[in-house]
Amino acid sequence: MSDFPYQRDPFVDVNPLLTVQDAQEWLRESSGVLRNRNPSGCPCCNQLVMVNRRAFNLSVARSLIWLVLHFVANPDWIHVPKKAPKWMTKAREYPKLAYWKMAEAKPNLTDPTKRCPGWWRPTQFGIEFAYDRLRVASHAYVYNKAVLDYDDTRRIGIRDALRAPYDYSKLMSGGGDFDVPASDDNQTS
């Protein structure tokens, strides 16, 4: 092992007789990782196991509006890597829309084991949220790309997620390419 202070020996405190099913049970019941959201080491491999708290933030909200406006104009799957503006593909926040069931990725029908090929569309729930008809939990608790729970202590609408200086009415009317203010680092080219 190196003397580098943050490097861990992956085989310390590992039980080689533990099955994956045992580890999943430990994760669910006794570890507190899922229940208390405390990071811990996996009993099989000692890899860090933790639940992430994901916010429905500005980039997610802007991505939803862009997706909804393009879907309403042409109700079909949208190839985001080719069609979306640079700020959206650079931030890569749009996949988080799936945590709130506001967008879905097109399934890969030729090989279901492969990742999403980049085609997305908003759900009806996402469309309703974009048109400011619904409120959702401000945060989702995510483990291994699956939502375990939502933090319902604060419910937000699309306008809450956008915040100033974004003009909701301008964005919904297709105002430009969602021009980013000059002070924002995600400026489009």
Protein backbone atom coordinates (compact mmCIF):
# COMPACT_ATOMS: atom_id res chain seq x y z
CA MET A 1 0.00 0.00 0.00
CA SER A 2 1.10 3.53 -0.72
CA ASP A 3 1.60 6.07 2.04
CA PHE A 4 -0.93 8.32 0.31
CA PRO A 5 -3.29 9.27 3.18
CA TYR A 6 -6.57 8.77 1.31
CA GLN A 7 -5.86 5.42 -0.30
CA ARG A 8 -7.67 2.53 1.36
CA ASP A 9 -6.80 -1.12 1.29
CA PRO A 10 -9.82 -2.61 -0.52
CA PHE A 11 -9.43 -5.92 1.33
CA VAL A 12 -9.47 -4.65 4.90
CA ASP A 13 -12.54 -5.81 6.84
CA VAL A 14 -13.89 -7.73 3.87
CA ASN A 15 -15.73 -11.01 4.44
CA PRO A 16 -14.92 -13.32 1.51
CA LEU A 17 -17.77 -15.69 2.47
CA LEU A 18 -20.42 -12.99 2.28
CA THR A 19 -22.88 -13.34 -0.59
CA VAL A 20 -24.29 -10.46 -2.59
CA GLN A 21 -27.68 -11.22 -1.04
CA ASP A 22 -26.12 -10.92 2.45
CA ALA A 23 -24.57 -7.60 1.50
CA GLN A 24 -27.88 -6.30 0.15
CA GLU A 25 -29.60 -7.33 3.38
CA TRP A 26 -26.86 -5.59 5.40
CA LEU A 27 -27.31 -2.49 3.27
CA ARG A 28 -31.09 -2.47 3.78
CA GLU A 29 -31.30 -3.42 7.44
CA SER A 30 -28.26 -2.92 9.57
CA SER A 31 -25.86 -0.45 8.00
CA GLY A 32 -27.81 2.76 8.31
CA VAL A 33 -26.62 3.76 4.83
CA LEU A 34 -30.11 3.77 3.39
CA ARG A 35 -32.02 4.47 6.58
CA ASN A 36 -29.82 7.27 7.98
CA ARG A 37 -28.00 8.23 4.77
CA ASN A 38 -24.61 7.63 6.42
CA PRO A 39 -21.77 6.57 4.08
CA SER A 40 -20.23 3.21 4.88
CA GLY A 41 -17.93 0.58 3.41
CA CYS A 42 -19.45 -2.34 1.53
CA PRO A 43 -18.95 -5.59 3.49
CA CYS A 44 -18.01 -7.42 0.26
CA CYS A 45 -15.50 -5.04 -1.33
CA ASN A 46 -15.08 -2.13 1.11
CA GLN A 47 -16.12 0.34 -1.59
CA LEU A 48 -17.84 3.45 -0.26
CA VAL A 49 -21.62 3.02 -0.22
CA MET A 50 -23.76 6.11 0.18
CA VAL A 51 -27.08 7.70 -0.66
CA ASN A 52 -26.86 10.96 -2.60
CA ARG A 53 -29.23 13.86 -2.03
CA ARG A 54 -30.02 15.31 -5.46
CA ALA A 55 -31.64 18.72 -5.85
CA PHE A 56 -34.14 19.75 -8.49
CA ASN A 57 -31.95 22.70 -9.42
CA LEU A 58 -31.76 25.46 -12.00
CA SER A 59 -30.08 23.33 -14.68
CA VAL A 60 -32.61 20.52 -14.25
CA ALA A 61 -35.49 23.01 -14.52
CA ARG A 62 -34.06 24.70 -17.63
CA SER A 63 -33.43 21.30 -19.23
CA LEU A 64 -37.04 20.31 -18.59
CA ILE A 65 -38.38 23.49 -20.18
CA TRP A 66 -36.15 23.00 -23.24
CA LEU A 67 -37.25 19.37 -23.55
CA VAL A 68 -40.95 20.20 -23.13
CA LEU A 69 -40.90 23.03 -25.68
CA HIS A 70 -39.21 20.82 -28.27
CA PHE A 71 -41.54 17.90 -27.53
CA VAL A 72 -44.67 20.06 -27.78
CA ALA A 73 -43.49 21.31 -31.18
CA ASN A 74 -42.70 17.76 -32.37
CA PRO A 75 -44.12 15.00 -30.11
CA ASP A 76 -41.42 12.41 -30.65
CA TRP A 77 -38.17 11.28 -29.00
CA ILE A 78 -35.52 14.01 -28.97
CA HIS A 79 -31.85 13.21 -29.52
CA VAL A 80 -30.49 15.47 -26.81
CA PRO A 81 -26.75 15.20 -27.64
CA LYS A 82 -27.39 16.51 -31.16
CA LYS A 83 -30.35 18.87 -30.65
CA ALA A 84 -29.84 20.45 -27.23
CA PRO A 85 -27.96 23.70 -26.69
CA LYS A 86 -24.38 23.52 -25.47
CA TRP A 87 -25.21 24.60 -21.90
CA MET A 88 -27.54 21.62 -21.57
CA THR A 89 -25.20 18.97 -22.93
CA LYS A 90 -22.26 20.41 -20.97
CA ALA A 91 -24.11 20.45 -17.62
CA ARG A 92 -25.61 16.94 -18.18
CA GLU A 93 -28.32 17.57 -15.62
CA TYR A 94 -31.21 16.48 -17.83
CA PRO A 95 -30.93 12.75 -16.90
CA LYS A 96 -31.86 13.76 -13.34
CA LEU A 97 -35.35 14.54 -14.64
CA ALA A 98 -35.95 10.79 -14.50
CA TYR A 99 -35.55 10.89 -10.69
CA TRP A 100 -38.78 12.91 -10.52
CA LYS A 101 -40.40 10.93 -13.39
CA MET A 102 -40.47 14.09 -15.54
CA ALA A 103 -38.58 12.62 -18.50
CA GLU A 104 -37.75 9.19 -19.78
CA ALA A 105 -34.92 7.80 -21.83
CA LYS A 106 -35.76 5.78 -24.90
CA PRO A 107 -35.09 2.13 -24.17
CA ASN A 108 -32.37 0.47 -26.24
CA LEU A 109 -34.48 -2.17 -27.98
CA THR A 110 -31.56 -3.81 -29.80
CA ASP A 111 -29.54 -4.39 -26.60
CA PRO A 112 -31.33 -3.73 -23.29
CA THR A 113 -28.04 -4.14 -21.39
CA LYS A 114 -26.63 -0.99 -23.02
CA ARG A 115 -27.09 2.54 -21.79
CA CYS A 116 -29.53 5.07 -23.17
CA PRO A 117 -28.62 6.09 -26.71
CA GLY A 118 -29.36 9.78 -25.96
CA TRP A 119 -33.02 9.91 -26.96
CA TRP A 120 -35.31 11.53 -24.37
CA ARG A 121 -38.85 12.82 -24.04
CA PRO A 122 -40.79 14.49 -21.24
CA THR A 123 -43.54 12.60 -19.45
CA GLN A 124 -47.02 14.06 -18.95
CA PHE A 125 -46.01 14.73 -15.34
CA GLY A 126 -42.97 16.67 -16.58
CA ILE A 127 -45.08 18.67 -18.99
CA GLU A 128 -47.53 19.58 -16.22
CA PHE A 129 -44.65 20.64 -13.96
CA ALA A 130 -43.05 22.74 -16.72
CA TYR A 131 -46.36 24.56 -17.21
CA ASP A 132 -46.35 25.36 -13.47
CA ARG A 133 -49.35 23.16 -12.63
CA LEU A 134 -47.60 20.91 -10.07
CA ARG A 135 -45.19 21.04 -7.15
CA VAL A 136 -42.65 18.36 -6.27
CA ALA A 137 -40.17 17.51 -3.55
CA SER A 138 -37.09 19.71 -3.81
CA HIS A 139 -34.69 16.77 -3.32
CA ALA A 140 -34.51 13.07 -4.15
CA TYR A 141 -32.43 10.50 -2.27
CA VAL A 142 -30.64 8.35 -4.84
CA TYR A 143 -28.68 5.15 -4.45
CA ASN A 144 -27.19 3.32 -7.44
CA LYS A 145 -29.18 5.54 -9.86
CA ALA A 146 -32.50 4.60 -8.20
CA VAL A 147 -34.67 6.92 -6.11
CA LEU A 148 -35.16 5.61 -2.59
CA ASP A 149 -37.15 8.50 -1.21
CA TYR A 150 -38.00 12.18 -1.60
CA ASP A 151 -37.46 15.01 0.84
CA ASP A 152 -40.97 16.42 1.14
CA THR A 153 -40.05 19.06 3.70
CA ARG A 154 -39.90 21.59 0.86
CA ARG A 155 -42.08 21.32 -2.23
CA ILE A 156 -41.22 23.48 -5.21
CA GLY A 157 -42.70 24.57 -8.51
CA ILE A 158 -40.81 25.30 -11.71
CA ARG A 159 -40.50 29.00 -10.85
CA ASP A 160 -38.88 28.15 -7.50
CA ALA A 161 -36.28 25.98 -9.26
CA LEU A 162 -35.51 28.68 -11.86
CA ARG A 163 -34.92 31.56 -9.45
CA ALA A 164 -33.89 35.04 -10.58
CA PRO A 165 -32.68 36.29 -13.07
CA TYR A 166 -34.57 33.83 -15.30
CA ASP A 167 -37.88 35.02 -16.64
CA TYR A 168 -40.24 32.01 -16.67
CA SER A 169 -42.60 33.59 -19.21
CA LYS A 170 -39.72 34.36 -21.57
CA LEU A 171 -38.36 30.82 -21.31
CA MET A 172 -41.77 29.24 -21.91
CA SER A 173 -42.33 31.38 -24.98
CA GLY A 174 -39.08 30.04 -26.42
CA GLY A 175 -37.17 33.23 -25.73
CA GLY A 176 -33.88 32.72 -27.52
CA ASP A 177 -31.79 29.71 -26.62
CA PHE A 178 -32.45 30.33 -22.93
CA ASP A 179 -29.86 33.07 -22.92
CA VAL A 180 -27.64 32.76 -19.89
CA PRO A 181 -26.79 36.01 -18.08
CA ALA A 182 -23.21 37.22 -18.60
CA SER A 183 -22.36 36.44 -14.96
CA ASP A 184 -23.09 32.73 -15.46
CA ASP A 185 -20.13 30.45 -16.26
CA ASN A 186 -22.33 28.22 -18.46
CA GLN A 187 -22.60 30.79 -21.22
CA THR A 188 -23.43 29.43 -24.66
CA SER A 189 -21.07 30.08 -27.55
